[in-house]
Amino acid sequence: MLTLTENANTIAATIVAQQSTTPDAGLRIHSSGTEAEPRFAVTVAPTPEPGDEVIGDDEIHVFLEHAAAEALNDKVLDATVDEQGAVSFTLLPQAA
C-alpha cells in the first residue's frame, strides 16, 4: 500500500485545507498515463470516487484511483515545497 512521508502528510493536509472546506475532502491520485509510461495526477477531491482506495489518518485522506493504487502499491510519496511555494511530489520505493 502507498505510504506517505511525514512531509507529504503535512503538505497534503495543508493543500486540502486551503482548497476545500469539506470535512471528508482529501488528495486524490489518479493515473493519467499509459501502462508502459505511467503518470499520475493529484487533485483535491471532496470525497472519494466510486472504486477509490482510501488511505490516510486523522490529518489527511488520500483517495487512490484503482489503477493508481495498484501501480503505487510498493511506493512512498514524499513532498517538498520550493522557495516560490511550489509543491513537488516524488515517488520513492518502499524500504524492504
PDB file of N, CA and C in Angstrom:
ATOM      1  N   MET A   1       0.835  -1.174   0.000  1.00  0.00           N
ATOM      2  CA  MET A   1       0.000   0.000   0.000  1.00  0.00           C
ATOM      3  C   MET A   1       0.885   1.245   0.000  1.00  0.00           C
ATOM      4  N   LEU A   2       0.488   2.248  -0.756  1.00  0.00           N
ATOM      5  CA  LEU A   2       1.203   3.521  -0.775  1.00  0.00           C
ATOM      6  C   LEU A   2       1.262   4.087   0.640  1.00  0.00           C
ATOM      7  N   THR A   3       2.428   4.590   1.007  1.00  0.00           N
ATOM      8  CA  THR A   3       2.566   5.288   2.284  1.00  0.00           C
ATOM      9  C   THR A   3       3.056   6.701   2.007  1.00  0.00           C
ATOM     10  N   LEU A   4       2.870   7.578   2.978  1.00  0.00           N
ATOM     11  CA  LEU A   4       3.287   8.968   2.853  1.00  0.00           C
ATOM     12  C   LEU A   4       4.356   9.275   3.878  1.00  0.00           C
ATOM     13  N   THR A   5       5.341  10.064   3.474  1.00  0.00           N
ATOM     14  CA  THR A   5       6.315  10.543   4.446  1.00  0.00           C
ATOM     15  C   THR A   5       5.625  11.586   5.320  1.00  0.00           C
ATOM     16  N   GLU A   6       6.271  11.945   6.407  1.00  0.00           N
ATOM     17  CA  GLU A   6       5.716  12.976   7.286  1.00  0.00           C
ATOM     18  C   GLU A   6       5.551  14.293   6.526  1.00  0.00           C
ATOM     19  N   ASN A   7       6.551  14.636   5.692  1.00  0.00           N
ATOM     20  CA  ASN A   7       6.453  15.858   4.877  1.00  0.00           C
ATOM     21  C   ASN A   7       5.256  15.805   3.937  1.00  0.00           C
ATOM     22  N   ALA A   8       5.084  14.689   3.244  1.00  0.00           N
ATOM     23  CA  ALA A   8       3.966  14.555   2.309  1.00  0.00           C
ATOM     24  C   ALA A   8       2.638  14.650   3.047  1.00  0.00           C
ATOM     25  N   ASN A   9       2.558  14.035   4.208  1.00  0.00           N
ATOM     26  CA  ASN A   9       1.338  14.068   5.006  1.00  0.00           C
ATOM     27  C   ASN A   9       0.979  15.510   5.376  1.00  0.00           C
ATOM     28  N   THR A  10       1.958  16.249   5.873  1.00  0.00           N
ATOM     29  CA  THR A  10       1.733  17.632   6.301  1.00  0.00           C
ATOM     30  C   THR A  10       1.389  18.536   5.122  1.00  0.00           C
ATOM     31  N   ILE A  11       2.137  18.416   4.035  1.00  0.00           N
ATOM     32  CA  ILE A  11       1.902  19.259   2.859  1.00  0.00           C
ATOM     33  C   ILE A  11       0.549  18.939   2.228  1.00  0.00           C
ATOM     34  N   ALA A  12       0.216  17.662   2.113  1.00  0.00           N
ATOM     35  CA  ALA A  12      -1.075  17.273   1.544  1.00  0.00           C
ATOM     36  C   ALA A  12      -2.223  17.799   2.402  1.00  0.00           C
ATOM     37  N   ALA A  13      -2.105  17.684   3.714  1.00  0.00           N
ATOM     38  CA  ALA A  13      -3.151  18.186   4.611  1.00  0.00           C
ATOM     39  C   ALA A  13      -3.320  19.695   4.457  1.00  0.00           C
ATOM     40  N   THR A  14      -2.225  20.405   4.298  1.00  0.00           N
ATOM     41  CA  THR A  14      -2.278  21.857   4.113  1.00  0.00           C
ATOM     42  C   THR A  14      -2.965  22.212   2.799  1.00  0.00           C
ATOM     43  N   ILE A  15      -2.615  21.517   1.730  1.00  0.00           N
ATOM     44  CA  ILE A  15      -3.230  21.765   0.421  1.00  0.00           C
ATOM     45  C   ILE A  15      -4.737  21.536   0.486  1.00  0.00           C
ATOM     46  N   VAL A  16      -5.137  20.417   1.070  1.00  0.00           N
ATOM     47  CA  VAL A  16      -6.568  20.098   1.157  1.00  0.00           C
ATOM     48  C   VAL A  16      -7.294  21.149   1.993  1.00  0.00           C
ATOM     49  N   ALA A  17      -6.721  21.536   3.123  1.00  0.00           N
ATOM     50  CA  ALA A  17      -7.357  22.537   3.991  1.00  0.00           C
ATOM     51  C   ALA A  17      -7.499  23.888   3.287  1.00  0.00           C
ATOM     52  N   GLN A  18      -6.530  24.240   2.435  1.00  0.00           N
ATOM     53  CA  GLN A  18      -6.582  25.516   1.714  1.00  0.00           C
ATOM     54  C   GLN A  18      -7.589  25.507   0.569  1.00  0.00           C
ATOM     55  N   GLN A  19      -7.873  24.321   0.015  1.00  0.00           N
ATOM     56  CA  GLN A  19      -8.700  24.257  -1.189  1.00  0.00           C
ATOM     57  C   GLN A  19     -10.093  23.686  -0.976  1.00  0.00           C
ATOM     58  N   SER A  20     -10.394  23.207   0.233  1.00  0.00           N
ATOM     59  CA  SER A  20     -11.706  22.611   0.460  1.00  0.00           C
ATOM     60  C   SER A  20     -12.147  22.830   1.898  1.00  0.00           C
ATOM     61  N   THR A  21     -13.434  23.073   2.059  1.00  0.00           N
ATOM     62  CA  THR A  21     -13.999  23.187   3.406  1.00  0.00           C
ATOM     63  C   THR A  21     -14.770  21.930   3.780  1.00  0.00           C
ATOM     64  N   THR A  22     -14.805  20.961   2.894  1.00  0.00           N
ATOM     65  CA  THR A  22     -15.495  19.704   3.150  1.00  0.00           C
ATOM     66  C   THR A  22     -14.682  18.868   4.135  1.00  0.00           C
ATOM     67  N   PRO A  23     -15.283  18.435   5.243  1.00  0.00           N
ATOM     68  CA  PRO A  23     -14.506  17.702   6.256  1.00  0.00           C
ATOM     69  C   PRO A  23     -13.918  16.375   5.769  1.00  0.00           C
ATOM     70  N   ASP A  24     -14.561  15.747   4.795  1.00  0.00           N
ATOM     71  CA  ASP A  24     -14.070  14.461   4.293  1.00  0.00           C
ATOM     72  C   ASP A  24     -13.215  14.600   3.041  1.00  0.00           C
ATOM     73  N   ALA A  25     -12.853  15.822   2.677  1.00  0.00           N
ATOM     74  CA  ALA A  25     -12.047  16.044   1.472  1.00  0.00           C
ATOM     75  C   ALA A  25     -10.675  15.400   1.622  1.00  0.00           C
ATOM     76  N   GLY A  26     -10.072  15.125   0.494  1.00  0.00           N
ATOM     77  CA  GLY A  26      -8.746  14.523   0.513  1.00  0.00           C
ATOM     78  C   GLY A  26      -8.001  14.780  -0.778  1.00  0.00           C
ATOM     79  N   LEU A  27      -6.815  14.251  -0.820  1.00  0.00           N
ATOM     80  CA  LEU A  27      -5.973  14.342  -2.004  1.00  0.00           C
ATOM     81  C   LEU A  27      -6.266  13.116  -2.857  1.00  0.00           C
ATOM     82  N   ARG A  28      -6.645  13.308  -4.120  1.00  0.00           N
ATOM     83  CA  ARG A  28      -6.947  12.177  -4.998  1.00  0.00           C
ATOM     84  C   ARG A  28      -5.819  12.002  -5.998  1.00  0.00           C
ATOM     85  N   ILE A  29      -5.319  10.783  -6.069  1.00  0.00           N
ATOM     86  CA  ILE A  29      -4.264  10.440  -7.021  1.00  0.00           C
ATOM     87  C   ILE A  29      -4.872   9.502  -8.054  1.00  0.00           C
ATOM     88  N   HIS A  30      -4.751   9.881  -9.319  1.00  0.00           N
ATOM     89  CA  HIS A  30      -5.281   9.030 -10.379  1.00  0.00           C
ATOM     90  C   HIS A  30      -4.270   8.937 -11.509  1.00  0.00           C
ATOM     91  N   SER A  31      -4.374   7.859 -12.259  1.00  0.00           N
ATOM     92  CA  SER A  31      -3.433   7.642 -13.355  1.00  0.00           C
ATOM     93  C   SER A  31      -3.844   8.495 -14.544  1.00  0.00           C
ATOM     94  N   SER A  32      -2.835   9.016 -15.235  1.00  0.00           N
ATOM     95  CA  SER A  32      -3.114   9.837 -16.410  1.00  0.00           C
ATOM     96  C   SER A  32      -2.216   9.454 -17.576  1.00  0.00           C
ATOM     97  N   GLY A  33      -1.485   8.375 -17.429  1.00  0.00           N
ATOM     98  CA  GLY A  33      -0.592   7.924 -18.491  1.00  0.00           C
ATOM     99  C   GLY A  33      -1.027   6.569 -19.003  1.00  0.00           C
ATOM    100  N   THR A  34      -0.083   5.869 -19.592  1.00  0.00           N
ATOM    101  CA  THR A  34      -0.345   4.522 -20.085  1.00  0.00           C
ATOM    102  C   THR A  34       0.344   3.525 -19.166  1.00  0.00           C
ATOM    103  N   GLU A  35       0.041   2.259 -19.358  1.00  0.00           N
ATOM    104  CA  GLU A  35       0.692   1.231 -18.551  1.00  0.00           C
ATOM    105  C   GLU A  35       2.199   1.221 -18.798  1.00  0.00           C
ATOM    106  N   ALA A  36       2.602   1.464 -20.043  1.00  0.00           N
ATOM    107  CA  ALA A  36       4.025   1.489 -20.380  1.00  0.00           C
ATOM    108  C   ALA A  36       4.721   2.729 -19.833  1.00  0.00           C
ATOM    109  N   GLU A  37       4.006   3.848 -19.798  1.00  0.00           N
ATOM    110  CA  GLU A  37       4.556   5.101 -19.275  1.00  0.00           C
ATOM    111  C   GLU A  37       3.577   5.699 -18.270  1.00  0.00           C
ATOM    112  N   PRO A  38       3.555   5.151 -17.061  1.00  0.00           N
ATOM    113  CA  PRO A  38       2.581   5.645 -16.084  1.00  0.00           C
ATOM    114  C   PRO A  38       2.876   7.077 -15.647  1.00  0.00           C
ATOM    115  N   ARG A  39       1.832   7.837 -15.523  1.00  0.00           N
ATOM    116  CA  ARG A  39       1.891   9.196 -14.980  1.00  0.00           C
ATOM    117  C   ARG A  39       0.722   9.315 -14.015  1.00  0.00           C
ATOM    118  N   PHE A  40       0.870  10.192 -13.057  1.00  0.00           N
ATOM    119  CA  PHE A  40      -0.172  10.344 -12.055  1.00  0.00           C
ATOM    120  C   PHE A  40      -0.502  11.814 -11.869  1.00  0.00           C
ATOM    121  N   ALA A  41      -1.760  12.086 -11.633  1.00  0.00           N
ATOM    122  CA  ALA A  41      -2.224  13.442 -11.372  1.00  0.00           C
ATOM    123  C   ALA A  41      -2.752  13.494  -9.946  1.00  0.00           C
ATOM    124  N   VAL A  42      -2.595  14.650  -9.330  1.00  0.00           N
ATOM    125  CA  VAL A  42      -3.042  14.856  -7.956  1.00  0.00           C
ATOM    126  C   VAL A  42      -4.017  16.021  -7.950  1.00  0.00           C
ATOM    127  N   THR A  43      -5.187  15.807  -7.356  1.00  0.00           N
ATOM    128  CA  THR A  43      -6.186  16.857  -7.221  1.00  0.00           C
ATOM    129  C   THR A  43      -6.780  16.800  -5.820  1.00  0.00           C
ATOM    130  N   VAL A  44      -7.421  17.871  -5.413  1.00  0.00           N
ATOM    131  CA  VAL A  44      -8.176  17.866  -4.164  1.00  0.00           C
ATOM    132  C   VAL A  44      -9.602  17.459  -4.520  1.00  0.00           C
ATOM    133  N   ALA A  45     -10.140  16.496  -3.786  1.00  0.00           N
ATOM    134  CA  ALA A  45     -11.490  15.998  -4.058  1.00  0.00           C
ATOM    135  C   ALA A  45     -12.321  16.043  -2.776  1.00  0.00           C
ATOM    136  N   PRO A  46     -13.609  16.385  -2.886  1.00  0.00           N
ATOM    137  CA  PRO A  46     -14.449  16.456  -1.690  1.00  0.00           C
ATOM    138  C   PRO A  46     -14.717  15.090  -1.065  1.00  0.00           C
ATOM    139  N   THR A  47     -14.755  14.059  -1.899  1.00  0.00           N
ATOM    140  CA  THR A  47     -14.989  12.687  -1.443  1.00  0.00           C
ATOM    141  C   THR A  47     -14.303  11.745  -2.428  1.00  0.00           C
ATOM    142  N   PRO A  48     -14.100  10.491  -2.034  1.00  0.00           N
ATOM    143  CA  PRO A  48     -13.520   9.544  -2.992  1.00  0.00           C
ATOM    144  C   PRO A  48     -14.510   9.232  -4.112  1.00  0.00           C
ATOM    145  N   GLU A  49     -13.981   8.890  -5.262  1.00  0.00           N
ATOM    146  CA  GLU A  49     -14.800   8.419  -6.377  1.00  0.00           C
ATOM    147  C   GLU A  49     -15.154   6.955  -6.110  1.00  0.00           C
ATOM    148  N   PRO A  50     -16.245   6.453  -6.705  1.00  0.00           N
ATOM    149  CA  PRO A  50     -16.552   5.027  -6.556  1.00  0.00           C
ATOM    150  C   PRO A  50     -15.357   4.182  -7.008  1.00  0.00           C
ATOM    151  N   GLY A  51     -14.977   3.212  -6.213  1.00  0.00           N
ATOM    152  CA  GLY A  51     -13.856   2.332  -6.534  1.00  0.00           C
ATOM    153  C   GLY A  51     -12.516   2.807  -6.024  1.00  0.00           C
ATOM    154  N   ASP A  52     -12.441   4.032  -5.506  1.00  0.00           N
ATOM    155  CA  ASP A  52     -11.178   4.532  -4.960  1.00  0.00           C
ATOM    156  C   ASP A  52     -10.812   3.786  -3.684  1.00  0.00           C
ATOM    157  N   GLU A  53      -9.519   3.570  -3.505  1.00  0.00           N
ATOM    158  CA  GLU A  53      -8.992   3.048  -2.244  1.00  0.00           C
ATOM    159  C   GLU A  53      -8.679   4.269  -1.376  1.00  0.00           C
ATOM    160  N   VAL A  54      -9.074   4.219  -0.115  1.00  0.00           N
ATOM    161  CA  VAL A  54      -8.859   5.350   0.783  1.00  0.00           C
ATOM    162  C   VAL A  54      -7.791   4.979   1.802  1.00  0.00           C
ATOM    163  N   ILE A  55      -6.753   5.806   1.885  1.00  0.00           N
ATOM    164  CA  ILE A  55      -5.713   5.612   2.885  1.00  0.00           C
ATOM    165  C   ILE A  55      -5.539   6.927   3.630  1.00  0.00           C
ATOM    166  N   GLY A  56      -4.785   6.895   4.687  1.00  0.00           N
ATOM    167  CA  GLY A  56      -4.503   8.116   5.426  1.00  0.00           C
ATOM    168  C   GLY A  56      -4.794   7.956   6.902  1.00  0.00           C
ATOM    169  N   ASP A  57      -4.903   9.098   7.564  1.00  0.00           N
ATOM    170  CA  ASP A  57      -5.129   9.110   9.002  1.00  0.00           C
ATOM    171  C   ASP A  57      -6.060  10.265   9.341  1.00  0.00           C
ATOM    172  N   ASP A  58      -6.072  10.681  10.603  1.00  0.00           N
ATOM    173  CA  ASP A  58      -6.953  11.779  11.010  1.00  0.00           C
ATOM    174  C   ASP A  58      -6.568  13.102  10.366  1.00  0.00           C
ATOM    175  N   GLU A  59      -5.305  13.243   9.969  1.00  0.00           N
ATOM    176  CA  GLU A  59      -4.824  14.501   9.394  1.00  0.00           C
ATOM    177  C   GLU A  59      -5.141  14.631   7.906  1.00  0.00           C
ATOM    178  N   ILE A  60      -5.049  13.522   7.161  1.00  0.00           N
ATOM    179  CA  ILE A  60      -5.226  13.581   5.703  1.00  0.00           C
ATOM    180  C   ILE A  60      -5.853  12.293   5.182  1.00  0.00           C
ATOM    181  N   HIS A  61      -6.764  12.459   4.215  1.00  0.00           N
ATOM    182  CA  HIS A  61      -7.317  11.327   3.467  1.00  0.00           C
ATOM    183  C   HIS A  61      -6.677  11.362   2.086  1.00  0.00           C
ATOM    184  N   VAL A  62      -6.283  10.200   1.607  1.00  0.00           N
ATOM    185  CA  VAL A  62      -5.763  10.085   0.246  1.00  0.00           C
ATOM    186  C   VAL A  62      -6.650   9.090  -0.483  1.00  0.00           C
ATOM    187  N   PHE A  63      -7.189   9.518  -1.617  1.00  0.00           N
ATOM    188  CA  PHE A  63      -8.052   8.688  -2.439  1.00  0.00           C
ATOM    189  C   PHE A  63      -7.244   8.219  -3.643  1.00  0.00           C
ATOM    190  N   LEU A  64      -7.128   6.909  -3.784  1.00  0.00           N
ATOM    191  CA  LEU A  64      -6.346   6.336  -4.885  1.00  0.00           C
ATOM    192  C   LEU A  64      -7.270   5.664  -5.890  1.00  0.00           C
ATOM    193  N   GLU A  65      -7.270   6.171  -7.105  1.00  0.00           N
ATOM    194  CA  GLU A  65      -7.990   5.513  -8.185  1.00  0.00           C
ATOM    195  C   GLU A  65      -7.417   4.097  -8.308  1.00  0.00           C
ATOM    196  N   HIS A  66      -8.242   3.142  -8.708  1.00  0.00           N
ATOM    197  CA  HIS A  66      -7.844   1.728  -8.691  1.00  0.00           C
ATOM    198  C   HIS A  66      -6.515   1.463  -9.404  1.00  0.00           C
ATOM    199  N   ALA A  67      -6.352   1.964 -10.620  1.00  0.00           N
ATOM    200  CA  ALA A  67      -5.104   1.726 -11.362  1.00  0.00           C
ATOM    201  C   ALA A  67      -3.919   2.367 -10.651  1.00  0.00           C
ATOM    202  N   ALA A  68      -4.122   3.540 -10.072  1.00  0.00           N
ATOM    203  CA  ALA A  68      -3.044   4.204  -9.328  1.00  0.00           C
ATOM    204  C   ALA A  68      -2.691   3.407  -8.079  1.00  0.00           C
ATOM    205  N   ALA A  69      -3.695   2.897  -7.386  1.00  0.00           N
ATOM    206  CA  ALA A  69      -3.446   2.107  -6.178  1.00  0.00           C
ATOM    207  C   ALA A  69      -2.597   0.882  -6.497  1.00  0.00           C
ATOM    208  N   GLU A  70      -2.896   0.224  -7.600  1.00  0.00           N
ATOM    209  CA  GLU A  70      -2.112  -0.952  -7.996  1.00  0.00           C
ATOM    210  C   GLU A  70      -0.681  -0.563  -8.355  1.00  0.00           C
ATOM    211  N   ALA A  71      -0.524   0.490  -9.132  1.00  0.00           N
ATOM    212  CA  ALA A  71       0.807   0.906  -9.584  1.00  0.00           C
ATOM    213  C   ALA A  71       1.667   1.444  -8.445  1.00  0.00           C
ATOM    214  N   LEU A  72       1.038   2.029  -7.435  1.00  0.00           N
ATOM    215  CA  LEU A  72       1.780   2.670  -6.342  1.00  0.00           C
ATOM    216  C   LEU A  72       1.833   1.814  -5.084  1.00  0.00           C
ATOM    217  N   ASN A  73       1.428   0.575  -5.194  1.00  0.00           N
ATOM    218  CA  ASN A  73       1.335  -0.313  -4.039  1.00  0.00           C
ATOM    219  C   ASN A  73       2.632  -0.435  -3.250  1.00  0.00           C
ATOM    220  N   ASP A  74       3.768  -0.346  -3.920  1.00  0.00           N
ATOM    221  CA  ASP A  74       5.062  -0.529  -3.248  1.00  0.00           C
ATOM    222  C   ASP A  74       5.861   0.771  -3.190  1.00  0.00           C
ATOM    223  N   LYS A  75       5.155   1.908  -3.166  1.00  0.00           N
ATOM    224  CA  LYS A  75       5.826   3.212  -3.203  1.00  0.00           C
ATOM    225  C   LYS A  75       5.566   4.030  -1.943  1.00  0.00           C
ATOM    226  N   VAL A  76       6.436   5.035  -1.767  1.00  0.00           N
ATOM    227  CA  VAL A  76       6.299   6.034  -0.705  1.00  0.00           C
ATOM    228  C   VAL A  76       6.168   7.385  -1.397  1.00  0.00           C
ATOM    229  N   LEU A  77       5.192   8.167  -0.983  1.00  0.00           N
ATOM    230  CA  LEU A  77       5.006   9.507  -1.537  1.00  0.00           C
ATOM    231  C   LEU A  77       5.678  10.519  -0.627  1.00  0.00           C
ATOM    232  N   ASP A  78       6.593  11.293  -1.204  1.00  0.00           N
ATOM    233  CA  ASP A  78       7.251  12.368  -0.466  1.00  0.00           C
ATOM    234  C   ASP A  78       6.857  13.681  -1.133  1.00  0.00           C
ATOM    235  N   ALA A  79       7.000  14.776  -0.408  1.00  0.00           N
ATOM    236  CA  ALA A  79       6.659  16.087  -0.961  1.00  0.00           C
ATOM    237  C   ALA A  79       7.596  17.142  -0.405  1.00  0.00           C
ATOM    238  N   THR A  80       7.850  18.145  -1.233  1.00  0.00           N
ATOM    239  CA  THR A  80       8.653  19.292  -0.817  1.00  0.00           C
ATOM    240  C   THR A  80       7.992  20.560  -1.344  1.00  0.00           C
ATOM    241  N   VAL A  81       8.345  21.679  -0.724  1.00  0.00           N
ATOM    242  CA  VAL A  81       7.884  22.990  -1.175  1.00  0.00           C
ATOM    243  C   VAL A  81       9.126  23.815  -1.462  1.00  0.00           C
ATOM    244  N   ASP A  82       9.203  24.397  -2.678  1.00  0.00           N
ATOM    245  CA  ASP A  82      10.384  25.192  -3.012  1.00  0.00           C
ATOM    246  C   ASP A  82      10.239  26.626  -2.496  1.00  0.00           C
ATOM    247  N   GLU A  83      11.246  27.443  -2.765  1.00  0.00           N
ATOM    248  CA  GLU A  83      11.274  28.817  -2.255  1.00  0.00           C
ATOM    249  C   GLU A  83      10.123  29.670  -2.778  1.00  0.00           C
ATOM    250  N   GLN A  84       9.584  29.320  -3.942  1.00  0.00           N
ATOM    251  CA  GLN A  84       8.459  30.058  -4.509  1.00  0.00           C
ATOM    252  C   GLN A  84       7.111  29.513  -4.040  1.00  0.00           C
ATOM    253  N   GLY A  85       7.128  28.452  -3.241  1.00  0.00           N
ATOM    254  CA  GLY A  85       5.894  27.873  -2.724  1.00  0.00           C
ATOM    255  C   GLY A  85       5.304  26.770  -3.577  1.00  0.00           C
ATOM    256  N   ALA A  86       6.015  26.360  -4.627  1.00  0.00           N
ATOM    257  CA  ALA A  86       5.529  25.283  -5.490  1.00  0.00           C
ATOM    258  C   ALA A  86       5.772  23.934  -4.817  1.00  0.00           C
ATOM    259  N   VAL A  87       4.766  23.088  -4.870  1.00  0.00           N
ATOM    260  CA  VAL A  87       4.853  21.759  -4.270  1.00  0.00           C
ATOM    261  C   VAL A  87       5.306  20.755  -5.321  1.00  0.00           C
ATOM    262  N   SER A  88       6.227  19.880  -4.940  1.00  0.00           N
ATOM    263  CA  SER A  88       6.666  18.778  -5.795  1.00  0.00           C
ATOM    264  C   SER A  88       6.444  17.481  -5.046  1.00  0.00           C
ATOM    265  N   PHE A  89       5.802  16.536  -5.713  1.00  0.00           N
ATOM    266  CA  PHE A  89       5.621  15.205  -5.148  1.00  0.00           C
ATOM    267  C   PHE A  89       6.615  14.268  -5.817  1.00  0.00           C
ATOM    268  N   THR A  90       7.180  13.358  -5.029  1.00  0.00           N
ATOM    269  CA  THR A  90       8.146  12.389  -5.523  1.00  0.00           C
ATOM    270  C   THR A  90       7.742  11.005  -5.048  1.00  0.00           C
ATOM    271  N   LEU A  91       7.826  10.026  -5.946  1.00  0.00           N
ATOM    272  CA  LEU A  91       7.560   8.638  -5.575  1.00  0.00           C
ATOM    273  C   LEU A  91       8.880   7.923  -5.352  1.00  0.00           C
ATOM    274  N   LEU A  92       8.979   7.251  -4.228  1.00  0.00           N
ATOM    275  CA  LEU A  92      10.181   6.515  -3.851  1.00  0.00           C
ATOM    276  C   LEU A  92       9.817   5.058  -3.602  1.00  0.00           C
ATOM    277  N   PRO A  93      10.767   4.143  -3.753  1.00  0.00           N
ATOM    278  CA  PRO A  93      10.477   2.746  -3.416  1.00  0.00           C
ATOM    279  C   PRO A  93      10.372   2.583  -1.903  1.00  0.00           C
ATOM    280  N   GLN A  94       9.511   1.676  -1.474  1.00  0.00           N
ATOM    281  CA  GLN A  94       9.419   1.375  -0.047  1.00  0.00           C
ATOM    282  C   GLN A  94      10.633   0.565   0.369  1.00  0.00           C
ATOM    283  N   ALA A  95      11.083   0.792   1.583  1.00  0.00           N
ATOM    284  CA  ALA A  95      12.208   0.021   2.115  1.00  0.00           C
ATOM    285  C   ALA A  95      11.765  -1.422   2.310  1.00  0.00           C
ATOM    286  N   ALA A  96      12.667  -2.338   2.037  1.00  0.00           N
ATOM    287  CA  ALA A  96      12.340  -3.766   2.157  1.00  0.00           C
ATOM    288  C   ALA A  96      12.229  -4.192   3.593  1.00  0.00           C
TER     289      ALA A  96
END
